[in-house]
Amino acid sequence: MSAVAPGIHRIESVLGPRPFSQYLLGDERWLLVDTGVATTPAEVILPFFRDSGLDPSALDLVLISHADVDHFGGNEAMRAAAPRATFCAHAADAPWIQDRELILRERYGWYEDYGIGYPPETSAWLRDALGADVALDLELVGGERLRLGPRLTVEVLHLPGHSPGHLGLWEPASRTAIVQDAVMARGLLDTDGKV
């Protein structure tokens, strides 16, 4: 396992030209941050579980950081692999995360009325990468504390900007922040470090 800090592991891969990651946090209970696109669980997350000797059906929580296809498109596959897990996200992003037609229209398609929509191949990729609709079990607002065991408790941070309901996690003992796309500095870098 690739530990970032005690009990916090980064699951790394590549999406197109850029680095891509989800996080697995665990002590007595396990929390997965983000599910990637529709193919990420089968290609990356579930092999990580297998290689680490973990059973995905033991996953307790799946926290979706925000409503972008590369962060929740794998929800369908992860729900199948971890049927007892509680899926959660911020209340402000929940409608988009649970309804692919709504997010395609409101987050990815609102500017089509202005003649600047995505090309057809990008729109098709977005639709495929979303997977099927999956209901959330719990809506968060930020400020919640998630106790994963006696050695690991994280605080849920509300980090609006990239999306209205963007969430992150703060683990005070190791001073580790998981913020996903809430902090992008110069933009999204590719695997060569270029924007």
C-alpha atoms as a PDB file:
ATOM      1  CA  MET A   1       0.000   0.000   0.000  1.00  0.00           C
ATOM      2  CA  SER A   2       1.168   3.534  -0.769  1.00  0.00           C
ATOM      3  CA  ALA A   3       0.717   5.408   2.498  1.00  0.00           C
ATOM      4  CA  VAL A   4       0.511   9.199   2.457  1.00  0.00           C
ATOM      5  CA  ALA A   5       0.241   9.221   6.253  1.00  0.00           C
ATOM      6  CA  PRO A   6      -0.743   6.604   8.844  1.00  0.00           C
ATOM      7  CA  GLY A   7      -4.079   5.153   7.718  1.00  0.00           C
ATOM      8  CA  ILE A   8      -4.239   7.282   4.538  1.00  0.00           C
ATOM      9  CA  HIS A   9      -3.424   5.753   1.152  1.00  0.00           C
ATOM     10  CA  ARG A  10      -3.401   7.294  -2.329  1.00  0.00           C
ATOM     11  CA  ILE A  11      -4.657   5.144  -5.211  1.00  0.00           C
ATOM     12  CA  GLU A  12      -2.847   6.476  -8.273  1.00  0.00           C
ATOM     13  CA  SER A  13      -3.517   6.140 -11.980  1.00  0.00           C
ATOM     14  CA  VAL A  14      -3.633   8.253 -15.133  1.00  0.00           C
ATOM     15  CA  LEU A  15      -6.737   9.699 -16.809  1.00  0.00           C
ATOM     16  CA  GLY A  16      -5.954  10.795 -20.325  1.00  0.00           C
ATOM     17  CA  PRO A  17      -2.778  12.902 -20.069  1.00  0.00           C
ATOM     18  CA  ARG A  18      -2.926  13.666 -16.348  1.00  0.00           C
ATOM     19  CA  PRO A  19      -2.307  12.048 -12.971  1.00  0.00           C
ATOM     20  CA  PHE A  20      -5.434  10.912 -11.214  1.00  0.00           C
ATOM     21  CA  SER A  21      -6.092   9.657  -7.695  1.00  0.00           C
ATOM     22  CA  GLN A  22      -8.565   8.460  -5.137  1.00  0.00           C
ATOM     23  CA  TYR A  23      -7.836   7.990  -1.432  1.00  0.00           C
ATOM     24  CA  LEU A  24      -8.498   5.131   0.953  1.00  0.00           C
ATOM     25  CA  LEU A  25      -8.532   5.889   4.675  1.00  0.00           C
ATOM     26  CA  GLY A  26      -8.816   3.191   7.271  1.00  0.00           C
ATOM     27  CA  ASP A  27      -8.458   2.054  10.847  1.00  0.00           C
ATOM     28  CA  GLU A  28     -11.357  -0.078  12.148  1.00  0.00           C
ATOM     29  CA  ARG A  29     -13.570   1.297   9.364  1.00  0.00           C
ATOM     30  CA  TRP A  30     -12.668   2.163   5.750  1.00  0.00           C
ATOM     31  CA  LEU A  31     -13.512   5.274   3.731  1.00  0.00           C
ATOM     32  CA  LEU A  32     -12.928   5.723  -0.010  1.00  0.00           C
ATOM     33  CA  VAL A  33     -12.683   9.270  -1.367  1.00  0.00           C
ATOM     34  CA  ASP A  34     -14.042   9.398  -4.947  1.00  0.00           C
ATOM     35  CA  THR A  35     -14.752   6.623  -7.434  1.00  0.00           C
ATOM     36  CA  GLY A  36     -13.239   8.069 -10.628  1.00  0.00           C
ATOM     37  CA  VAL A  37     -14.956   7.538 -13.979  1.00  0.00           C
ATOM     38  CA  ALA A  38     -17.124   4.521 -14.786  1.00  0.00           C
ATOM     39  CA  THR A  39     -14.110   2.329 -15.607  1.00  0.00           C
ATOM     40  CA  THR A  40     -11.868   3.403 -12.689  1.00  0.00           C
ATOM     41  CA  PRO A  41     -13.158   0.855 -10.132  1.00  0.00           C
ATOM     42  CA  ALA A  42     -12.496  -2.157 -12.386  1.00  0.00           C
ATOM     43  CA  GLU A  43      -9.199  -0.827 -13.758  1.00  0.00           C
ATOM     44  CA  VAL A  44      -7.682   0.787 -10.650  1.00  0.00           C
ATOM     45  CA  ILE A  45      -9.615   0.817  -7.357  1.00  0.00           C
ATOM     46  CA  LEU A  46     -10.624  -2.847  -7.084  1.00  0.00           C
ATOM     47  CA  PRO A  47      -7.158  -4.091  -8.169  1.00  0.00           C
ATOM     48  CA  PHE A  48      -5.696  -1.818  -5.453  1.00  0.00           C
ATOM     49  CA  PHE A  49      -7.985  -3.473  -2.893  1.00  0.00           C
ATOM     50  CA  ARG A  50      -7.013  -6.943  -4.121  1.00  0.00           C
ATOM     51  CA  ASP A  51      -3.284  -6.178  -4.158  1.00  0.00           C
ATOM     52  CA  SER A  52      -3.560  -4.725  -0.630  1.00  0.00           C
ATOM     53  CA  GLY A  53      -5.399  -7.785   0.700  1.00  0.00           C
ATOM     54  CA  LEU A  54      -8.582  -5.799   1.364  1.00  0.00           C
ATOM     55  CA  ASP A  55     -12.135  -6.888   0.644  1.00  0.00           C
ATOM     56  CA  PRO A  56     -14.099  -4.051  -1.022  1.00  0.00           C
ATOM     57  CA  SER A  57     -17.306  -5.367   0.519  1.00  0.00           C
ATOM     58  CA  ALA A  58     -15.885  -4.287   3.903  1.00  0.00           C
ATOM     59  CA  LEU A  59     -15.847  -0.630   2.787  1.00  0.00           C
ATOM     60  CA  ASP A  60     -17.909   1.490   5.183  1.00  0.00           C
ATOM     61  CA  LEU A  61     -18.054   4.917   3.506  1.00  0.00           C
ATOM     62  CA  VAL A  62     -17.639   6.354   0.023  1.00  0.00           C
ATOM     63  CA  LEU A  63     -17.255  10.131   0.097  1.00  0.00           C
ATOM     64  CA  ILE A  64     -17.619  11.943  -3.209  1.00  0.00           C
ATOM     65  CA  SER A  65     -15.567  15.134  -3.106  1.00  0.00           C
ATOM     66  CA  HIS A  66     -17.593  16.947  -5.756  1.00  0.00           C
ATOM     67  CA  ALA A  67     -19.844  16.730  -8.793  1.00  0.00           C
ATOM     68  CA  ASP A  68     -17.417  16.120 -11.640  1.00  0.00           C
ATOM     69  CA  VAL A  69     -17.491  12.970 -13.762  1.00  0.00           C
ATOM     70  CA  ASP A  70     -13.941  11.951 -12.820  1.00  0.00           C
ATOM     71  CA  HIS A  71     -14.845  11.936  -9.138  1.00  0.00           C
ATOM     72  CA  PHE A  72     -18.165  10.051  -9.076  1.00  0.00           C
ATOM     73  CA  GLY A  73     -18.573   8.252 -12.415  1.00  0.00           C
ATOM     74  CA  GLY A  74     -17.503   4.972 -10.795  1.00  0.00           C
ATOM     75  CA  ASN A  75     -20.303   5.031  -8.209  1.00  0.00           C
ATOM     76  CA  GLU A  76     -22.276   2.268  -9.947  1.00  0.00           C
ATOM     77  CA  ALA A  77     -19.330  -0.155  -9.944  1.00  0.00           C
ATOM     78  CA  MET A  78     -18.323   0.692  -6.376  1.00  0.00           C
ATOM     79  CA  ARG A  79     -21.917   0.293  -5.145  1.00  0.00           C
ATOM     80  CA  ALA A  80     -21.904  -3.210  -6.669  1.00  0.00           C
ATOM     81  CA  ALA A  81     -18.530  -4.047  -5.068  1.00  0.00           C
ATOM     82  CA  ALA A  82     -19.357  -2.478  -1.685  1.00  0.00           C
ATOM     83  CA  PRO A  83     -23.144  -2.792  -1.286  1.00  0.00           C
ATOM     84  CA  ARG A  84     -23.209  -1.980   2.446  1.00  0.00           C
ATOM     85  CA  ALA A  85     -21.110   1.196   2.116  1.00  0.00           C
ATOM     86  CA  THR A  86     -22.727   4.545   2.853  1.00  0.00           C
ATOM     87  CA  PHE A  87     -22.304   6.873  -0.148  1.00  0.00           C
ATOM     88  CA  CYS A  88     -22.152  10.534   0.801  1.00  0.00           C
ATOM     89  CA  ALA A  89     -21.493  13.971  -0.692  1.00  0.00           C
ATOM     90  CA  HIS A  90     -22.285  17.594   0.050  1.00  0.00           C
ATOM     91  CA  ALA A  91     -25.971  18.489  -0.168  1.00  0.00           C
ATOM     92  CA  ALA A  92     -25.247  21.226  -2.744  1.00  0.00           C
ATOM     93  CA  ASP A  93     -23.708  18.739  -5.226  1.00  0.00           C
ATOM     94  CA  ALA A  94     -26.005  15.798  -4.425  1.00  0.00           C
ATOM     95  CA  PRO A  95     -28.594  16.473  -7.172  1.00  0.00           C
ATOM     96  CA  TRP A  96     -25.905  16.434  -9.892  1.00  0.00           C
ATOM     97  CA  ILE A  97     -24.178  13.353  -8.456  1.00  0.00           C
ATOM     98  CA  GLN A  98     -27.434  11.389  -8.374  1.00  0.00           C
ATOM     99  CA  ASP A  99     -28.803  12.401 -11.790  1.00  0.00           C
ATOM    100  CA  ARG A 100     -26.601  12.132 -14.880  1.00  0.00           C
ATOM    101  CA  GLU A 101     -29.102  13.948 -17.146  1.00  0.00           C
ATOM    102  CA  LEU A 102     -29.202  16.858 -14.714  1.00  0.00           C
ATOM    103  CA  ILE A 103     -25.411  17.204 -14.507  1.00  0.00           C
ATOM    104  CA  LEU A 104     -25.036  16.845 -18.278  1.00  0.00           C
ATOM    105  CA  ARG A 105     -27.544  19.659 -18.751  1.00  0.00           C
ATOM    106  CA  GLU A 106     -26.663  22.018 -15.873  1.00  0.00           C
ATOM    107  CA  ARG A 107     -22.924  21.549 -15.206  1.00  0.00           C
ATOM    108  CA  TYR A 108     -21.584  20.357 -18.563  1.00  0.00           C
ATOM    109  CA  GLY A 109     -24.152  21.803 -20.977  1.00  0.00           C
ATOM    110  CA  TRP A 110     -25.360  25.177 -19.705  1.00  0.00           C
ATOM    111  CA  TYR A 111     -23.156  27.111 -22.145  1.00  0.00           C
ATOM    112  CA  GLU A 112     -24.492  25.355 -25.259  1.00  0.00           C
ATOM    113  CA  ASP A 113     -27.086  28.145 -25.492  1.00  0.00           C
ATOM    114  CA  TYR A 114     -24.128  30.465 -26.118  1.00  0.00           C
ATOM    115  CA  GLY A 115     -22.668  28.361 -28.933  1.00  0.00           C
ATOM    116  CA  ILE A 116     -19.697  27.089 -26.933  1.00  0.00           C
ATOM    117  CA  GLY A 117     -20.722  23.550 -26.059  1.00  0.00           C
ATOM    118  CA  TYR A 118     -18.472  20.502 -26.054  1.00  0.00           C
ATOM    119  CA  PRO A 119     -17.755  18.725 -29.347  1.00  0.00           C
ATOM    120  CA  PRO A 120     -19.901  15.586 -29.835  1.00  0.00           C
ATOM    121  CA  GLU A 121     -17.058  13.178 -28.977  1.00  0.00           C
ATOM    122  CA  THR A 122     -16.456  14.930 -25.629  1.00  0.00           C
ATOM    123  CA  SER A 123     -20.179  14.894 -24.816  1.00  0.00           C
ATOM    124  CA  ALA A 124     -20.274  11.164 -25.618  1.00  0.00           C
ATOM    125  CA  TRP A 125     -17.227  10.540 -23.403  1.00  0.00           C
ATOM    126  CA  LEU A 126     -18.852  12.431 -20.502  1.00  0.00           C
ATOM    127  CA  ARG A 127     -22.049  10.393 -20.826  1.00  0.00           C
ATOM    128  CA  ASP A 128     -20.148   7.085 -20.897  1.00  0.00           C
ATOM    129  CA  ALA A 129     -17.811   8.080 -18.058  1.00  0.00           C
ATOM    130  CA  LEU A 130     -20.724   8.859 -15.733  1.00  0.00           C
ATOM    131  CA  GLY A 131     -22.047   5.325 -15.415  1.00  0.00           C
ATOM    132  CA  ALA A 132     -25.612   4.831 -14.179  1.00  0.00           C
ATOM    133  CA  ASP A 133     -27.383   6.975 -11.599  1.00  0.00           C
ATOM    134  CA  VAL A 134     -26.646   5.950  -8.005  1.00  0.00           C
ATOM    135  CA  ALA A 135     -28.511   7.401  -5.045  1.00  0.00           C
ATOM    136  CA  LEU A 136     -26.565   8.879  -2.161  1.00  0.00           C
ATOM    137  CA  ASP A 137     -27.273   7.623   1.343  1.00  0.00           C
ATOM    138  CA  LEU A 138     -26.152  10.698   3.229  1.00  0.00           C
ATOM    139  CA  GLU A 139     -25.819  14.410   2.459  1.00  0.00           C
ATOM    140  CA  LEU A 140     -23.127  16.375   4.280  1.00  0.00           C
ATOM    141  CA  VAL A 141     -22.628  20.105   4.850  1.00  0.00           C
ATOM    142  CA  GLY A 142     -19.072  20.277   6.193  1.00  0.00           C
ATOM    143  CA  GLY A 143     -17.928  20.217   9.797  1.00  0.00           C
ATOM    144  CA  GLU A 144     -18.826  16.553  10.343  1.00  0.00           C
ATOM    145  CA  ARG A 145     -16.229  14.362  12.045  1.00  0.00           C
ATOM    146  CA  LEU A 146     -15.838  10.818  10.770  1.00  0.00           C
ATOM    147  CA  ARG A 147     -14.303   8.423  13.286  1.00  0.00           C
ATOM    148  CA  LEU A 148     -12.727   5.537  11.418  1.00  0.00           C
ATOM    149  CA  GLY A 149     -11.223   4.026  14.567  1.00  0.00           C
ATOM    150  CA  PRO A 150      -9.256   4.988  17.689  1.00  0.00           C
ATOM    151  CA  ARG A 151      -6.267   6.100  15.611  1.00  0.00           C
ATOM    152  CA  LEU A 152      -8.037   7.925  12.773  1.00  0.00           C
ATOM    153  CA  THR A 153     -10.676  10.638  12.783  1.00  0.00           C
ATOM    154  CA  VAL A 154     -11.144  13.098   9.930  1.00  0.00           C
ATOM    155  CA  GLU A 155     -13.064  16.342   9.674  1.00  0.00           C
ATOM    156  CA  VAL A 156     -15.172  17.041   6.589  1.00  0.00           C
ATOM    157  CA  LEU A 157     -14.330  20.422   5.065  1.00  0.00           C
ATOM    158  CA  HIS A 158     -16.693  22.401   2.836  1.00  0.00           C
ATOM    159  CA  LEU A 159     -14.486  23.893   0.098  1.00  0.00           C
ATOM    160  CA  PRO A 160     -16.878  25.617  -2.357  1.00  0.00           C
ATOM    161  CA  GLY A 161     -15.547  27.157  -5.530  1.00  0.00           C
ATOM    162  CA  HIS A 162     -14.762  24.386  -7.988  1.00  0.00           C
ATOM    163  CA  SER A 163     -18.328  23.261  -7.320  1.00  0.00           C
ATOM    164  CA  PRO A 164     -20.863  24.583  -4.799  1.00  0.00           C
ATOM    165  CA  GLY A 165     -20.547  21.478  -2.633  1.00  0.00           C
ATOM    166  CA  HIS A 166     -16.882  20.573  -2.963  1.00  0.00           C
ATOM    167  CA  LEU A 167     -15.672  18.611   0.082  1.00  0.00           C
ATOM    168  CA  GLY A 168     -12.266  17.826   1.489  1.00  0.00           C
ATOM    169  CA  LEU A 169     -10.950  16.009   4.551  1.00  0.00           C
ATOM    170  CA  TRP A 170      -8.592  17.127   7.315  1.00  0.00           C
ATOM    171  CA  GLU A 171      -6.719  14.636   9.480  1.00  0.00           C
ATOM    172  CA  PRO A 172      -5.197  16.619  12.362  1.00  0.00           C
ATOM    173  CA  ALA A 173      -2.736  14.066  13.787  1.00  0.00           C
ATOM    174  CA  SER A 174      -0.660  13.914  10.586  1.00  0.00           C
ATOM    175  CA  ARG A 175      -1.815  17.345   9.389  1.00  0.00           C
ATOM    176  CA  THR A 176      -3.010  15.778   6.130  1.00  0.00           C
ATOM    177  CA  ALA A 177      -5.535  17.573   3.920  1.00  0.00           C
ATOM    178  CA  ILE A 178      -7.262  15.805   1.049  1.00  0.00           C
ATOM    179  CA  VAL A 179      -8.697  18.576  -1.117  1.00  0.00           C
ATOM    180  CA  GLN A 180      -8.921  17.036  -4.620  1.00  0.00           C
ATOM    181  CA  ASP A 181      -9.743  19.793  -7.162  1.00  0.00           C
ATOM    182  CA  ALA A 182     -10.330  22.562  -4.612  1.00  0.00           C
ATOM    183  CA  VAL A 183      -6.706  23.680  -5.036  1.00  0.00           C
ATOM    184  CA  MET A 184      -5.339  23.586  -8.569  1.00  0.00           C
ATOM    185  CA  ALA A 185      -2.786  26.435  -8.549  1.00  0.00           C
ATOM    186  CA  ARG A 186      -1.785  26.845 -12.224  1.00  0.00           C
ATOM    187  CA  GLY A 187      -4.453  24.415 -13.461  1.00  0.00           C
ATOM    188  CA  LEU A 188      -4.518  20.713 -14.231  1.00  0.00           C
ATOM    189  CA  LEU A 189      -1.021  19.432 -14.903  1.00  0.00           C
ATOM    190  CA  ASP A 190      -0.326  16.514 -17.217  1.00  0.00           C
ATOM    191  CA  THR A 191       2.106  13.685 -16.431  1.00  0.00           C
ATOM    192  CA  ASP A 192       4.965  15.866 -17.742  1.00  0.00           C
ATOM    193  CA  GLY A 193       4.074  18.688 -15.331  1.00  0.00           C
ATOM    194  CA  LYS A 194       2.640  20.934 -18.064  1.00  0.00           C
ATOM    195  CA  VAL A 195      -0.704  22.759 -17.985  1.00  0.00           C
END
